[in-house]
Amino acid sequence: MFDLTGRTALVTGGSRGLGRAIAIAFARQGADVAINYRGNAEAAEAVTAEITGLGRRSTGSARSTFSSTTPESRATTCSCGWTRTNGTP
């Protein structure tokens, strides 16, 4: 497949179904994964636990925590506290 080591992915709808599968696939390829979900915090916690079990960083955030509906704004607003390996935020 492809190598995502050192990359961070934001997956909307990442707690269930296709979004969950995509989030886990990104983690298996080496990415740290932030997931955004609408309302099922328990499912989101299960996905983040599975991703961290793969040795990757993961966090979940409810949809209502973002002030904008555009993916670009979500990526900017999603404050995970993570730093890239080259030291930039």
Protein backbone atom coordinates (compact mmCIF):
# COMPACT_ATOMS: atom_id res chain seq x y z
CA MET A 1 0.00 0.00 0.00
CA PHE A 2 1.48 3.35 1.05
CA ASP A 3 3.54 4.67 3.95
CA LEU A 4 1.95 7.36 6.14
CA THR A 5 4.63 7.37 8.82
CA GLY A 6 5.02 10.86 10.27
CA ARG A 7 1.67 12.00 8.89
CA THR A 8 -1.50 12.93 10.76
CA ALA A 9 -4.98 12.18 9.46
CA LEU A 10 -8.27 13.75 10.49
CA VAL A 11 -11.15 11.37 9.79
CA THR A 12 -14.67 12.75 10.11
CA GLY A 13 -17.25 10.16 11.08
CA GLY A 14 -14.42 8.02 12.39
CA SER A 15 -16.26 6.23 15.18
CA ARG A 16 -18.30 3.81 13.06
CA GLY A 17 -18.66 2.18 9.68
CA LEU A 18 -16.53 3.34 6.78
CA GLY A 19 -14.96 6.20 8.77
CA ARG A 20 -13.82 3.73 11.43
CA ALA A 21 -12.33 1.44 8.77
CA ILE A 22 -10.49 4.36 7.17
CA ALA A 23 -9.13 5.61 10.52
CA ILE A 24 -7.78 2.16 11.38
CA ALA A 25 -6.34 1.68 7.88
CA PHE A 26 -4.49 5.01 8.13
CA ALA A 27 -3.08 3.96 11.51
CA ARG A 28 -1.95 0.60 10.12
CA GLN A 29 -0.07 2.51 7.44
CA GLY A 30 1.71 4.59 10.10
CA ALA A 31 -0.41 7.74 10.53
CA ASP A 32 -1.49 9.28 13.81
CA VAL A 33 -5.25 9.70 13.61
CA ALA A 34 -7.66 12.28 15.03
CA ILE A 35 -11.28 11.26 14.62
CA ASN A 36 -14.34 13.45 14.65
CA TYR A 37 -17.69 11.94 15.56
CA ARG A 38 -21.25 13.15 15.91
CA GLY A 39 -22.51 11.56 19.09
CA ASN A 40 -21.25 8.09 19.92
CA ALA A 41 -18.41 8.80 22.33
CA GLU A 42 -18.17 5.15 23.39
CA ALA A 43 -17.58 3.98 19.82
CA ALA A 44 -15.05 6.78 19.29
CA GLU A 45 -13.16 5.74 22.42
CA ALA A 46 -13.06 2.15 21.15
CA VAL A 47 -11.56 3.29 17.82
CA THR A 48 -8.95 5.51 19.49
CA ALA A 49 -8.03 2.60 21.79
CA GLU A 50 -7.62 0.30 18.80
CA ILE A 51 -5.44 2.85 17.03
CA THR A 52 -3.24 3.43 20.08
CA GLY A 53 -2.97 -0.35 20.36
CA LEU A 54 -1.32 -0.24 16.93
CA GLY A 55 1.32 2.09 18.36
CA ARG A 56 -0.07 5.29 16.86
CA ARG A 57 -1.40 8.43 18.56
CA SER A 58 -5.15 8.94 18.40
CA THR A 59 -7.76 11.29 19.80
CA GLY A 60 -11.48 11.78 19.28
CA SER A 61 -13.54 14.94 19.26
CA ALA A 62 -17.29 15.46 19.10
CA ARG A 63 -18.51 17.29 16.01
CA SER A 64 -19.93 20.14 18.07
CA THR A 65 -16.43 21.11 19.28
CA PHE A 66 -15.60 22.55 15.86
CA SER A 67 -16.76 26.05 15.13
CA SER A 68 -16.77 25.56 11.36
CA THR A 69 -18.11 22.94 9.01
CA THR A 70 -15.28 23.08 6.47
CA PRO A 71 -12.59 20.39 6.63
CA GLU A 72 -9.85 23.01 6.38
CA SER A 73 -11.20 24.82 9.44
CA ARG A 74 -11.58 21.54 11.31
CA ALA A 75 -7.96 20.67 10.65
CA THR A 76 -6.88 24.09 11.86
CA THR A 77 -9.18 23.99 14.89
CA CYS A 78 -8.42 20.41 15.93
CA SER A 79 -5.95 21.10 18.69
CA CYS A 80 -4.55 17.71 19.62
CA GLY A 81 -1.39 19.07 21.17
CA TRP A 82 0.66 16.97 18.76
CA THR A 83 3.90 18.12 17.19
CA ARG A 84 5.36 16.82 13.96
CA THR A 85 8.62 14.98 14.10
CA ASN A 86 10.40 17.96 12.53
CA GLY A 87 9.29 20.12 15.50
CA THR A 88 6.64 22.20 13.75
CA PRO A 89 3.04 22.27 15.01
